[in-house]
PDB file of all heavy atoms in Angstrom:
ATOM      1  N   TYR A   1      81.299 169.638 106.129  1.00  0.00           N
ATOM      2  CA  TYR A   1      80.545 168.458 106.115  1.00  0.00           C
ATOM      3  C   TYR A   1      81.332 167.270 105.514  1.00  0.00           C
ATOM      4  O   TYR A   1      81.209 166.111 105.888  1.00  0.00           O
ATOM      5  CB  TYR A   1      79.180 168.600 105.389  1.00  0.00           C
ATOM      6  CG  TYR A   1      78.360 169.712 106.067  1.00  0.00           C
ATOM      7  CD1 TYR A   1      78.035 170.917 105.361  1.00  0.00           C
ATOM      8  CD2 TYR A   1      77.888 169.546 107.346  1.00  0.00           C
ATOM      9  CE1 TYR A   1      77.329 171.901 105.966  1.00  0.00           C
ATOM     10  CE2 TYR A   1      77.126 170.523 107.968  1.00  0.00           C
ATOM     11  CZ  TYR A   1      76.848 171.723 107.247  1.00  0.00           C
ATOM     12  OH  TYR A   1      76.121 172.701 107.900  1.00  0.00           O
ATOM     13  N   ALA A   2      82.114 167.589 104.502  1.00  0.00           N
ATOM     14  CA  ALA A   2      82.993 166.554 103.874  1.00  0.00           C
ATOM     15  C   ALA A   2      84.093 166.165 104.803  1.00  0.00           C
ATOM     16  O   ALA A   2      84.536 165.026 104.898  1.00  0.00           O
ATOM     17  CB  ALA A   2      83.499 167.059 102.608  1.00  0.00           C
ATOM     18  N   GLN A   3      84.567 167.152 105.574  1.00  0.00           N
ATOM     19  CA  GLN A   3      85.705 166.880 106.517  1.00  0.00           C
ATOM     20  C   GLN A   3      85.172 165.949 107.600  1.00  0.00           C
ATOM     21  O   GLN A   3      86.005 165.097 108.085  1.00  0.00           O
ATOM     22  CB  GLN A   3      86.171 168.223 107.265  1.00  0.00           C
ATOM     23  CG  GLN A   3      87.431 167.917 108.063  1.00  0.00           C
ATOM     24  CD  GLN A   3      87.842 169.071 108.929  1.00  0.00           C
ATOM     25  OE1 GLN A   3      87.122 170.043 109.064  1.00  0.00           O
ATOM     26  NE2 GLN A   3      88.995 168.935 109.550  1.00  0.00           N
ATOM     27  N   ARG A   4      83.932 165.987 107.991  1.00  0.00           N
ATOM     28  CA  ARG A   4      83.477 165.002 108.937  1.00  0.00           C
ATOM     29  C   ARG A   4      83.744 163.538 108.513  1.00  0.00           C
ATOM     30  O   ARG A   4      84.143 162.676 109.301  1.00  0.00           O
ATOM     31  CB  ARG A   4      81.942 165.128 109.105  1.00  0.00           C
ATOM     32  CG  ARG A   4      81.386 166.372 109.684  1.00  0.00           C
ATOM     33  CD  ARG A   4      79.885 166.331 109.699  1.00  0.00           C
ATOM     34  NE  ARG A   4      79.235 167.468 110.277  1.00  0.00           N
ATOM     35  CZ  ARG A   4      77.899 167.624 110.276  1.00  0.00           C
ATOM     36  NH1 ARG A   4      77.123 166.639 109.760  1.00  0.00           N
ATOM     37  NH2 ARG A   4      77.326 168.646 110.864  1.00  0.00           N
ATOM     38  N   VAL A   5      83.498 163.272 107.227  1.00  0.00           N
ATOM     39  CA  VAL A   5      83.651 161.993 106.703  1.00  0.00           C
ATOM     40  C   VAL A   5      85.139 161.596 106.732  1.00  0.00           C
ATOM     41  O   VAL A   5      85.492 160.475 107.064  1.00  0.00           O
ATOM     42  CB  VAL A   5      83.093 161.897 105.233  1.00  0.00           C
ATOM     43  CG1 VAL A   5      83.328 160.504 104.706  1.00  0.00           C
ATOM     44  CG2 VAL A   5      81.638 162.217 105.302  1.00  0.00           C
ATOM     45  N   ALA A   6      86.018 162.514 106.327  1.00  0.00           N
ATOM     46  CA  ALA A   6      87.418 162.306 106.327  1.00  0.00           C
ATOM     47  C   ALA A   6      87.934 161.989 107.745  1.00  0.00           C
ATOM     48  O   ALA A   6      88.766 161.129 107.925  1.00  0.00           O
ATOM     49  CB  ALA A   6      88.184 163.509 105.758  1.00  0.00           C
ATOM     50  N   ILE A   7      87.454 162.676 108.735  1.00  0.00           N
ATOM     51  CA  ILE A   7      87.795 162.464 110.115  1.00  0.00           C
ATOM     52  C   ILE A   7      87.390 161.059 110.589  1.00  0.00           C
ATOM     53  O   ILE A   7      88.179 160.323 111.184  1.00  0.00           O
ATOM     54  CB  ILE A   7      87.254 163.508 111.069  1.00  0.00           C
ATOM     55  CG1 ILE A   7      87.878 164.892 110.794  1.00  0.00           C
ATOM     56  CG2 ILE A   7      87.448 163.111 112.545  1.00  0.00           C
ATOM     57  CD1 ILE A   7      87.273 166.072 111.526  1.00  0.00           C
ATOM     58  N   VAL A   8      86.081 160.724 110.364  1.00  0.00           N
ATOM     59  CA  VAL A   8      85.535 159.465 110.774  1.00  0.00           C
ATOM     60  C   VAL A   8      86.282 158.320 110.119  1.00  0.00           C
ATOM     61  O   VAL A   8      86.711 157.296 110.738  1.00  0.00           O
ATOM     62  CB  VAL A   8      84.104 159.378 110.467  1.00  0.00           C
ATOM     63  CG1 VAL A   8      83.551 157.926 110.682  1.00  0.00           C
ATOM     64  CG2 VAL A   8      83.320 160.292 111.373  1.00  0.00           C
ATOM     65  N   ARG A   9      86.599 158.472 108.850  1.00  0.00           N
ATOM     66  CA  ARG A   9      87.343 157.434 108.105  1.00  0.00           C
ATOM     67  C   ARG A   9      88.738 157.220 108.760  1.00  0.00           C
ATOM     68  O   ARG A   9      89.114 156.073 108.899  1.00  0.00           O
ATOM     69  CB  ARG A   9      87.510 157.913 106.630  1.00  0.00           C
ATOM     70  CG  ARG A   9      88.429 157.042 105.785  1.00  0.00           C
ATOM     71  CD  ARG A   9      88.355 157.612 104.359  1.00  0.00           C
ATOM     72  NE  ARG A   9      89.302 157.012 103.462  1.00  0.00           N
ATOM     73  CZ  ARG A   9      90.463 157.495 103.140  1.00  0.00           C
ATOM     74  NH1 ARG A   9      90.939 158.646 103.799  1.00  0.00           N
ATOM     75  NH2 ARG A   9      91.317 156.911 102.360  1.00  0.00           N
ATOM     76  N   LYS A  10      89.419 158.280 109.189  1.00  0.00           N
ATOM     77  CA  LYS A  10      90.674 158.127 109.859  1.00  0.00           C
ATOM     78  C   LYS A  10      90.560 157.488 111.232  1.00  0.00           C
ATOM     79  O   LYS A  10      91.363 156.695 111.656  1.00  0.00           O
ATOM     80  CB  LYS A  10      91.483 159.389 109.859  1.00  0.00           C
ATOM     81  CG  LYS A  10      92.160 159.773 108.555  1.00  0.00           C
ATOM     82  CD  LYS A  10      92.952 161.019 108.695  1.00  0.00           C
ATOM     83  CE  LYS A  10      93.802 161.286 107.428  1.00  0.00           C
ATOM     84  NZ  LYS A  10      94.972 160.384 107.364  1.00  0.00           N
ATOM     85  N   LEU A  11      89.582 158.032 112.025  1.00  0.00           N
ATOM     86  CA  LEU A  11      89.489 157.558 113.379  1.00  0.00           C
ATOM     87  C   LEU A  11      89.106 156.038 113.396  1.00  0.00           C
ATOM     88  O   LEU A  11      89.521 155.345 114.316  1.00  0.00           O
ATOM     89  CB  LEU A  11      88.281 158.343 114.050  1.00  0.00           C
ATOM     90  CG  LEU A  11      88.607 159.756 114.474  1.00  0.00           C
ATOM     91  CD1 LEU A  11      87.395 160.419 115.012  1.00  0.00           C
ATOM     92  CD2 LEU A  11      89.705 159.839 115.496  1.00  0.00           C
ATOM     93  N   LYS A  12      88.371 155.598 112.412  1.00  0.00           N
ATOM     94  CA  LYS A  12      88.018 154.216 112.314  1.00  0.00           C
ATOM     95  C   LYS A  12      89.120 153.345 111.668  1.00  0.00           C
ATOM     96  O   LYS A  12      89.035 152.140 111.686  1.00  0.00           O
ATOM     97  CB  LYS A  12      86.753 154.010 111.548  1.00  0.00           C
ATOM     98  CG  LYS A  12      85.486 154.650 112.144  1.00  0.00           C
ATOM     99  CD  LYS A  12      84.982 153.857 113.372  1.00  0.00           C
ATOM    100  CE  LYS A  12      84.463 152.466 113.082  1.00  0.00           C
ATOM    101  NZ  LYS A  12      83.907 151.858 114.258  1.00  0.00           N
ATOM    102  N   GLY A  13      90.151 153.971 111.132  1.00  0.00           N
ATOM    103  CA  GLY A  13      91.247 153.292 110.516  1.00  0.00           C
ATOM    104  C   GLY A  13      90.796 152.590 109.221  1.00  0.00           C
ATOM    105  O   GLY A  13      91.222 151.468 108.855  1.00  0.00           O
ATOM    106  N   LEU A  14      90.006 153.285 108.407  1.00  0.00           N
ATOM    107  CA  LEU A  14      89.419 152.699 107.257  1.00  0.00           C
ATOM    108  C   LEU A  14      90.049 153.250 105.946  1.00  0.00           C
ATOM    109  O   LEU A  14      89.518 153.153 104.796  1.00  0.00           O
ATOM    110  CB  LEU A  14      87.907 153.028 107.139  1.00  0.00           C
ATOM    111  CG  LEU A  14      86.968 152.417 108.218  1.00  0.00           C
ATOM    112  CD1 LEU A  14      85.577 152.877 108.158  1.00  0.00           C
ATOM    113  CD2 LEU A  14      87.068 150.858 108.154  1.00  0.00           C
ATOM    114  N   GLU A  15      91.231 153.883 105.962  1.00  0.00           N
ATOM    115  CA  GLU A  15      91.920 154.411 104.860  1.00  0.00           C
ATOM    116  C   GLU A  15      92.103 153.451 103.787  1.00  0.00           C
ATOM    117  O   GLU A  15      92.041 153.807 102.576  1.00  0.00           O
ATOM    118  CB  GLU A  15      93.246 155.080 105.201  1.00  0.00           C
ATOM    119  CG  GLU A  15      93.116 156.307 106.121  1.00  0.00           C
ATOM    120  CD  GLU A  15      93.290 155.925 107.595  1.00  0.00           C
ATOM    121  OE1 GLU A  15      92.824 154.850 108.040  1.00  0.00           O
ATOM    122  OE2 GLU A  15      93.842 156.743 108.374  1.00  0.00           O
ATOM    123  N   ASP A  16      92.398 152.198 104.078  1.00  0.00           N
ATOM    124  CA  ASP A  16      92.622 151.238 103.033  1.00  0.00           C
ATOM    125  C   ASP A  16      91.334 150.404 102.660  1.00  0.00           C
ATOM    126  O   ASP A  16      91.347 149.497 101.858  1.00  0.00           O
ATOM    127  CB  ASP A  16      93.642 150.168 103.476  1.00  0.00           C
ATOM    128  CG  ASP A  16      95.026 150.832 103.736  1.00  0.00           C
ATOM    129  OD1 ASP A  16      95.363 151.750 102.969  1.00  0.00           O
ATOM    130  OD2 ASP A  16      95.801 150.417 104.620  1.00  0.00           O
ATOM    131  N   VAL A  17      90.237 150.790 103.237  1.00  0.00           N
ATOM    132  CA  VAL A  17      88.939 150.037 103.035  1.00  0.00           C
ATOM    133  C   VAL A  17      88.026 150.943 102.192  1.00  0.00           C
ATOM    134  O   VAL A  17      87.405 150.454 101.226  1.00  0.00           O
ATOM    135  CB  VAL A  17      88.306 149.830 104.373  1.00  0.00           C
ATOM    136  CG1 VAL A  17      86.904 149.128 104.204  1.00  0.00           C
ATOM    137  CG2 VAL A  17      89.198 148.915 105.187  1.00  0.00           C
ATOM    138  N   VAL A  18      87.902 152.223 102.466  1.00  0.00           N
ATOM    139  CA  VAL A  18      87.141 153.181 101.709  1.00  0.00           C
ATOM    140  C   VAL A  18      88.103 154.275 101.227  1.00  0.00           C
ATOM    141  O   VAL A  18      88.661 154.957 102.024  1.00  0.00           O
ATOM    142  CB  VAL A  18      86.048 153.816 102.594  1.00  0.00           C
ATOM    143  CG1 VAL A  18      85.275 154.836 101.741  1.00  0.00           C
ATOM    144  CG2 VAL A  18      85.107 152.733 103.108  1.00  0.00           C
ATOM    145  N   THR A  19      88.240 154.446  99.962  1.00  0.00           N
ATOM    146  CA  THR A  19      89.124 155.364  99.328  1.00  0.00           C
ATOM    147  C   THR A  19      88.492 156.817  99.381  1.00  0.00           C
ATOM    148  O   THR A  19      87.255 156.926  99.494  1.00  0.00           O
ATOM    149  CB  THR A  19      89.506 155.058  97.901  1.00  0.00           C
ATOM    150  OG1 THR A  19      88.282 154.818  97.087  1.00  0.00           O
ATOM    151  CG2 THR A  19      90.291 153.729  97.934  1.00  0.00           C
ATOM    152  N   LEU A  20      89.290 157.797  99.186  1.00  0.00           N
ATOM    153  CA  LEU A  20      88.857 159.186  99.273  1.00  0.00           C
ATOM    154  C   LEU A  20      89.707 160.085  98.394  1.00  0.00           C
ATOM    155  O   LEU A  20      90.930 159.886  98.317  1.00  0.00           O
ATOM    156  CB  LEU A  20      88.897 159.705 100.726  1.00  0.00           C
ATOM    157  CG  LEU A  20      88.433 161.097 101.002  1.00  0.00           C
ATOM    158  CD1 LEU A  20      87.788 161.175 102.412  1.00  0.00           C
ATOM    159  CD2 LEU A  20      89.623 162.089 100.975  1.00  0.00           C
ATOM    160  N   SER A  21      89.119 160.962  97.698  1.00  0.00           N
ATOM    161  CA  SER A  21      89.791 162.013  96.930  1.00  0.00           C
ATOM    162  C   SER A  21      89.035 163.346  97.065  1.00  0.00           C
ATOM    163  O   SER A  21      87.961 163.397  97.507  1.00  0.00           O
ATOM    164  CB  SER A  21      89.873 161.596  95.496  1.00  0.00           C
ATOM    165  OG  SER A  21      88.599 161.496  94.829  1.00  0.00           O
ATOM    166  N   TYR A  22      89.726 164.375  96.566  1.00  0.00           N
ATOM    167  CA  TYR A  22      89.260 165.741  96.763  1.00  0.00           C
ATOM    168  C   TYR A  22      88.970 166.436  95.431  1.00  0.00           C
ATOM    169  O   TYR A  22      89.764 166.361  94.480  1.00  0.00           O
ATOM    170  CB  TYR A  22      90.234 166.576  97.586  1.00  0.00           C
ATOM    171  CG  TYR A  22      90.344 166.185  99.084  1.00  0.00           C
ATOM    172  CD1 TYR A  22      91.300 165.249  99.485  1.00  0.00           C
ATOM    173  CD2 TYR A  22      89.418 166.647  99.955  1.00  0.00           C
ATOM    174  CE1 TYR A  22      91.377 164.958 100.808  1.00  0.00           C
ATOM    175  CE2 TYR A  22      89.468 166.303 101.291  1.00  0.00           C
ATOM    176  CZ  TYR A  22      90.483 165.414 101.740  1.00  0.00           C
ATOM    177  OH  TYR A  22      90.475 165.071 103.041  1.00  0.00           O
ATOM    178  N   VAL A  23      87.901 167.186  95.391  1.00  0.00           N
ATOM    179  CA  VAL A  23      87.690 168.050  94.297  1.00  0.00           C
ATOM    180  C   VAL A  23      88.464 169.360  94.489  1.00  0.00           C
ATOM    181  O   VAL A  23      89.041 169.586  95.567  1.00  0.00           O
ATOM    182  CB  VAL A  23      86.078 168.427  94.189  1.00  0.00           C
ATOM    183  CG1 VAL A  23      85.305 167.189  93.866  1.00  0.00           C
ATOM    184  CG2 VAL A  23      85.631 169.046  95.517  1.00  0.00           C
ATOM    185  N   ASP A  24      88.475 170.159  93.451  1.00  0.00           N
ATOM    186  CA  ASP A  24      89.217 171.438  93.533  1.00  0.00           C
ATOM    187  C   ASP A  24      88.492 172.418  94.517  1.00  0.00           C
ATOM    188  O   ASP A  24      87.272 172.233  94.768  1.00  0.00           O
ATOM    189  CB  ASP A  24      89.254 172.056  92.143  1.00  0.00           C
ATOM    190  CG  ASP A  24      90.182 173.240  92.091  1.00  0.00           C
ATOM    191  OD1 ASP A  24      91.367 173.109  92.396  1.00  0.00           O
ATOM    192  OD2 ASP A  24      89.731 174.420  91.778  1.00  0.00           O
ATOM    193  N   ASP A  25      89.217 173.336  95.099  1.00  0.00           N
ATOM    194  CA  ASP A  25      88.655 174.298  96.097  1.00  0.00           C
ATOM    195  C   ASP A  25      87.685 175.296  95.466  1.00  0.00           C
ATOM    196  O   ASP A  25      86.786 175.708  96.142  1.00  0.00           O
ATOM    197  CB  ASP A  25      89.769 175.035  96.790  1.00  0.00           C
ATOM    198  CG  ASP A  25      90.739 174.134  97.520  1.00  0.00           C
ATOM    199  OD1 ASP A  25      90.489 172.944  97.598  1.00  0.00           O
ATOM    200  OD2 ASP A  25      91.751 174.692  98.077  1.00  0.00           O
ATOM    201  N   GLU A  26      87.895 175.625  94.185  1.00  0.00           N
ATOM    202  CA  GLU A  26      87.122 176.639  93.548  1.00  0.00           C
ATOM    203  C   GLU A  26      85.997 175.987  92.674  1.00  0.00           C
ATOM    204  O   GLU A  26      86.219 174.900  92.076  1.00  0.00           O
ATOM    205  CB  GLU A  26      88.013 177.487  92.698  1.00  0.00           C
ATOM    206  CG  GLU A  26      89.059 178.275  93.450  1.00  0.00           C
ATOM    207  CD  GLU A  26      89.787 179.243  92.550  1.00  0.00           C
ATOM    208  OE1 GLU A  26      89.218 179.842  91.664  1.00  0.00           O
ATOM    209  OE2 GLU A  26      91.054 179.411  92.762  1.00  0.00           O
ATOM    210  N   ARG A  27      84.872 176.683  92.600  1.00  0.00           N
ATOM    211  CA  ARG A  27      83.847 176.184  91.774  1.00  0.00           C
ATOM    212  C   ARG A  27      83.129 177.382  91.085  1.00  0.00           C
ATOM    213  O   ARG A  27      83.136 178.515  91.589  1.00  0.00           O
ATOM    214  CB  ARG A  27      82.850 175.307  92.461  1.00  0.00           C
ATOM    215  CG  ARG A  27      82.162 175.937  93.680  1.00  0.00           C
ATOM    216  CD  ARG A  27      81.167 174.976  94.301  1.00  0.00           C
ATOM    217  NE  ARG A  27      80.673 175.577  95.511  1.00  0.00           N
ATOM    218  CZ  ARG A  27      79.606 175.063  96.148  1.00  0.00           C
ATOM    219  NH1 ARG A  27      79.005 173.872  95.771  1.00  0.00           N
ATOM    220  NH2 ARG A  27      79.104 175.549  97.273  1.00  0.00           N
ATOM    221  N   ASP A  28      82.531 177.079  89.944  1.00  0.00           N
ATOM    222  CA  ASP A  28      81.678 178.072  89.221  1.00  0.00           C
ATOM    223  C   ASP A  28      80.323 177.465  89.100  1.00  0.00           C
ATOM    224  O   ASP A  28      79.945 176.493  89.764  1.00  0.00           O
ATOM    225  CB  ASP A  28      82.324 178.502  87.965  1.00  0.00           C
ATOM    226  CG  ASP A  28      82.643 177.318  87.080  1.00  0.00           C
ATOM    227  OD1 ASP A  28      81.959 176.298  87.131  1.00  0.00           O
ATOM    228  OD2 ASP A  28      83.669 177.433  86.214  1.00  0.00           O
ATOM    229  N   GLY A  29      79.505 177.930  88.105  1.00  0.00           N
ATOM    230  CA  GLY A  29      78.202 177.474  87.900  1.00  0.00           C
ATOM    231  C   GLY A  29      78.064 175.999  87.612  1.00  0.00           C
ATOM    232  O   GLY A  29      77.016 175.440  87.691  1.00  0.00           O
ATOM    233  N   ARG A  30      79.187 175.405  87.250  1.00  0.00           N
ATOM    234  CA  ARG A  30      79.245 174.058  86.897  1.00  0.00           C
ATOM    235  C   ARG A  30      79.336 173.118  88.154  1.00  0.00           C
ATOM    236  O   ARG A  30      79.146 171.861  88.099  1.00  0.00           O
ATOM    237  CB  ARG A  30      80.335 173.651  85.988  1.00  0.00           C
ATOM    238  CG  ARG A  30      80.312 174.335  84.626  1.00  0.00           C
ATOM    239  CD  ARG A  30      81.576 174.120  83.793  1.00  0.00           C
ATOM    240  NE  ARG A  30      82.744 174.822  84.406  1.00  0.00           N
ATOM    241  CZ  ARG A  30      83.966 174.793  83.971  1.00  0.00           C
ATOM    242  NH1 ARG A  30      84.256 174.029  82.938  1.00  0.00           N
ATOM    243  NH2 ARG A  30      84.949 175.458  84.520  1.00  0.00           N
ATOM    244  N   GLY A  31      79.625 173.665  89.285  1.00  0.00           N
ATOM    245  CA  GLY A  31      79.727 172.955  90.539  1.00  0.00           C
ATOM    246  C   GLY A  31      81.145 172.531  90.738  1.00  0.00           C
ATOM    247  O   GLY A  31      82.070 173.041  90.186  1.00  0.00           O
ATOM    248  N   TRP A  32      81.361 171.548  91.643  1.00  0.00           N
ATOM    249  CA  TRP A  32      82.639 171.048  91.977  1.00  0.00           C
ATOM    250  C   TRP A  32      83.351 170.389  90.778  1.00  0.00           C
ATOM    251  O   TRP A  32      82.638 169.750  89.987  1.00  0.00           O
ATOM    252  CB  TRP A  32      82.596 170.064  93.103  1.00  0.00           C
ATOM    253  CG  TRP A  32      82.018 170.601  94.400  1.00  0.00           C
ATOM    254  CD1 TRP A  32      80.837 170.302  94.975  1.00  0.00           C
ATOM    255  CD2 TRP A  32      82.701 171.520  95.314  1.00  0.00           C
ATOM    256  NE1 TRP A  32      80.696 170.985  96.170  1.00  0.00           N
ATOM    257  CE2 TRP A  32      81.800 171.661  96.408  1.00  0.00           C
ATOM    258  CE3 TRP A  32      83.912 172.135  95.327  1.00  0.00           C
ATOM    259  CZ2 TRP A  32      82.188 172.536  97.456  1.00  0.00           C
ATOM    260  CZ3 TRP A  32      84.266 172.910  96.389  1.00  0.00           C
ATOM    261  CH2 TRP A  32      83.376 173.138  97.461  1.00  0.00           C
ATOM    262  N   ALA A  33      84.691 170.548  90.727  1.00  0.00           N
ATOM    263  CA  ALA A  33      85.401 170.037  89.586  1.00  0.00           C
ATOM    264  C   ALA A  33      86.680 169.440  90.039  1.00  0.00           C
ATOM    265  O   ALA A  33      87.172 169.627  91.203  1.00  0.00           O
ATOM    266  CB  ALA A  33      85.663 171.144  88.590  1.00  0.00           C
ATOM    267  N   PHE A  34      87.307 168.703  89.106  1.00  0.00           N
ATOM    268  CA  PHE A  34      88.607 168.117  89.387  1.00  0.00           C
ATOM    269  C   PHE A  34      89.681 168.823  88.575  1.00  0.00           C
ATOM    270  O   PHE A  34      89.578 168.934  87.351  1.00  0.00           O
ATOM    271  CB  PHE A  34      88.637 166.579  89.028  1.00  0.00           C
ATOM    272  CG  PHE A  34      87.568 165.815  89.779  1.00  0.00           C
ATOM    273  CD1 PHE A  34      86.375 165.608  89.228  1.00  0.00           C
ATOM    274  CD2 PHE A  34      87.971 165.266  90.985  1.00  0.00           C
ATOM    275  CE1 PHE A  34      85.389 164.877  89.996  1.00  0.00           C
ATOM    276  CE2 PHE A  34      86.950 164.566  91.732  1.00  0.00           C
ATOM    277  CZ  PHE A  34      85.716 164.352  91.241  1.00  0.00           C
ATOM    278  N   ARG A  35      90.653 169.359  89.321  1.00  0.00           N
ATOM    279  CA  ARG A  35      91.751 170.124  88.666  1.00  0.00           C
ATOM    280  C   ARG A  35      93.067 169.729  89.287  1.00  0.00           C
ATOM    281  O   ARG A  35      93.123 168.974  90.283  1.00  0.00           O
ATOM    282  CB  ARG A  35      91.547 171.674  88.846  1.00  0.00           C
ATOM    283  CG  ARG A  35      90.204 172.119  88.190  1.00  0.00           C
ATOM    284  CD  ARG A  35      90.077 173.665  88.147  1.00  0.00           C
ATOM    285  NE  ARG A  35      88.850 174.032  87.577  1.00  0.00           N
ATOM    286  CZ  ARG A  35      87.726 174.304  88.264  1.00  0.00           C
ATOM    287  NH1 ARG A  35      87.713 174.090  89.571  1.00  0.00           N
ATOM    288  NH2 ARG A  35      86.602 174.592  87.633  1.00  0.00           N
TER     289      ARG A  35
END
């Protein structure tokens, strides 16, 4: 579901208009995290 957004952003050429970053692949009970 997150990849959909990344695809649409690139297809529309919005990389310099709307920024994007990724959380870590692994999560525990705390949810998504930045590593």
